[in-house]
Amino acid sequence: MFRNKTLVTVIGFLLAGIGLLSIFLSVVGANFSFLSWLEAWGAAGAFFTKIGLAIVGFILIYLGQTDWEREDV
């Protein structure tokens, strides 16, 4: 299905890592400067957006690591 499985996996790891690390940093009281615009949506909006970022990353990791030729339909 995917031609660039490695690229999809790397992007997934980046998204999941940034999402989880930004959640941890917001608990500590800091945030990434490139994600500071999320705070305009309020604390709950920013939190759920960061959760969504991590979930999309995990989905991309799963899709990138699945061998679609060996899947039985």
C-alpha atoms as a PDB file:
ATOM      1  CA  MET A   1       0.000   0.000   0.000  1.00  0.00           C
ATOM      2  CA  PHE A   2       2.718   2.462   0.974  1.00  0.00           C
ATOM      3  CA  ARG A   3       5.792   2.892  -1.159  1.00  0.00           C
ATOM      4  CA  ASN A   4       7.708   4.908   1.435  1.00  0.00           C
ATOM      5  CA  LYS A   5       7.115   2.895   4.588  1.00  0.00           C
ATOM      6  CA  THR A   6      10.222   4.267   6.264  1.00  0.00           C
ATOM      7  CA  LEU A   7       9.184   7.867   5.655  1.00  0.00           C
ATOM      8  CA  VAL A   8       5.695   7.226   7.045  1.00  0.00           C
ATOM      9  CA  THR A   9       7.200   5.574  10.129  1.00  0.00           C
ATOM     10  CA  VAL A  10       9.647   8.434  10.739  1.00  0.00           C
ATOM     11  CA  ILE A  11       6.892  11.042  10.378  1.00  0.00           C
ATOM     12  CA  GLY A  12       4.771   8.994  12.779  1.00  0.00           C
ATOM     13  CA  PHE A  13       7.556   8.895  15.356  1.00  0.00           C
ATOM     14  CA  LEU A  14       8.094  12.643  15.019  1.00  0.00           C
ATOM     15  CA  LEU A  15       4.397  13.428  15.466  1.00  0.00           C
ATOM     16  CA  ALA A  16       3.993  11.032  18.392  1.00  0.00           C
ATOM     17  CA  GLY A  17       7.171  12.272  20.049  1.00  0.00           C
ATOM     18  CA  ILE A  18       6.289  15.937  19.650  1.00  0.00           C
ATOM     19  CA  GLY A  19       2.746  15.296  20.870  1.00  0.00           C
ATOM     20  CA  LEU A  20       3.787  13.366  23.972  1.00  0.00           C
ATOM     21  CA  LEU A  21       6.681  15.684  24.782  1.00  0.00           C
ATOM     22  CA  SER A  22       4.484  18.766  24.425  1.00  0.00           C
ATOM     23  CA  ILE A  23       1.943  17.234  26.826  1.00  0.00           C
ATOM     24  CA  PHE A  24       4.734  16.599  29.329  1.00  0.00           C
ATOM     25  CA  LEU A  25       6.099  20.114  28.903  1.00  0.00           C
ATOM     26  CA  SER A  26       2.668  21.664  29.421  1.00  0.00           C
ATOM     27  CA  VAL A  27       2.375  19.783  32.723  1.00  0.00           C
ATOM     28  CA  VAL A  28       5.722  21.227  33.795  1.00  0.00           C
ATOM     29  CA  GLY A  29       4.709  24.716  32.656  1.00  0.00           C
ATOM     30  CA  ALA A  30       6.701  25.093  29.454  1.00  0.00           C
ATOM     31  CA  ASN A  31       5.773  24.643  25.805  1.00  0.00           C
ATOM     32  CA  PHE A  32       7.331  24.449  22.370  1.00  0.00           C
ATOM     33  CA  SER A  33       7.489  27.849  20.697  1.00  0.00           C
ATOM     34  CA  PHE A  34       6.141  26.496  17.404  1.00  0.00           C
ATOM     35  CA  LEU A  35       3.084  25.056  19.217  1.00  0.00           C
ATOM     36  CA  SER A  36       2.349  28.144  21.311  1.00  0.00           C
ATOM     37  CA  TRP A  37      -0.526  29.117  18.976  1.00  0.00           C
ATOM     38  CA  LEU A  38      -2.442  26.129  20.365  1.00  0.00           C
ATOM     39  CA  GLU A  39      -2.760  27.880  23.715  1.00  0.00           C
ATOM     40  CA  ALA A  40      -5.108  30.424  22.099  1.00  0.00           C
ATOM     41  CA  TRP A  41      -7.742  27.654  22.031  1.00  0.00           C
ATOM     42  CA  GLY A  42      -7.601  27.316  25.799  1.00  0.00           C
ATOM     43  CA  ALA A  43      -6.062  24.640  27.960  1.00  0.00           C
ATOM     44  CA  ALA A  44      -8.513  21.888  27.002  1.00  0.00           C
ATOM     45  CA  GLY A  45      -8.330  22.627  23.278  1.00  0.00           C
ATOM     46  CA  ALA A  46      -4.544  22.610  23.316  1.00  0.00           C
ATOM     47  CA  PHE A  47      -4.453  19.398  25.358  1.00  0.00           C
ATOM     48  CA  PHE A  48      -6.809  17.492  23.070  1.00  0.00           C
ATOM     49  CA  THR A  49      -4.985  18.757  19.988  1.00  0.00           C
ATOM     50  CA  LYS A  50      -1.712  17.450  21.417  1.00  0.00           C
ATOM     51  CA  ILE A  51      -3.384  14.121  22.218  1.00  0.00           C
ATOM     52  CA  GLY A  52      -4.645  14.011  18.627  1.00  0.00           C
ATOM     53  CA  LEU A  53      -1.142  14.723  17.361  1.00  0.00           C
ATOM     54  CA  ALA A  54       0.219  11.764  19.326  1.00  0.00           C
ATOM     55  CA  ILE A  55      -2.612   9.458  18.195  1.00  0.00           C
ATOM     56  CA  VAL A  56      -2.092  10.363  14.529  1.00  0.00           C
ATOM     57  CA  GLY A  57       1.607   9.645  15.027  1.00  0.00           C
ATOM     58  CA  PHE A  58       0.897   6.202  16.481  1.00  0.00           C
ATOM     59  CA  ILE A  59      -1.499   5.430  13.621  1.00  0.00           C
ATOM     60  CA  LEU A  60       1.165   6.386  11.080  1.00  0.00           C
ATOM     61  CA  ILE A  61       3.697   4.176  12.858  1.00  0.00           C
ATOM     62  CA  TYR A  62       1.250   1.267  12.717  1.00  0.00           C
ATOM     63  CA  LEU A  63       0.470   1.833   9.049  1.00  0.00           C
ATOM     64  CA  GLY A  64       4.139   2.176   8.179  1.00  0.00           C
ATOM     65  CA  GLN A  65       5.091  -1.059   9.925  1.00  0.00           C
ATOM     66  CA  THR A  66       2.237  -3.213   8.595  1.00  0.00           C
ATOM     67  CA  ASP A  67       3.132  -5.616   5.806  1.00  0.00           C
ATOM     68  CA  TRP A  68       0.105  -5.281   3.543  1.00  0.00           C
ATOM     69  CA  GLU A  69       1.169  -8.056   1.146  1.00  0.00           C
ATOM     70  CA  ARG A  70       1.079 -10.667   3.908  1.00  0.00           C
ATOM     71  CA  GLU A  71      -2.302  -9.606   5.322  1.00  0.00           C
ATOM     72  CA  ASP A  72      -5.022 -12.199   4.788  1.00  0.00           C
ATOM     73  CA  VAL A  73      -8.291 -10.782   3.585  1.00  0.00           C
END
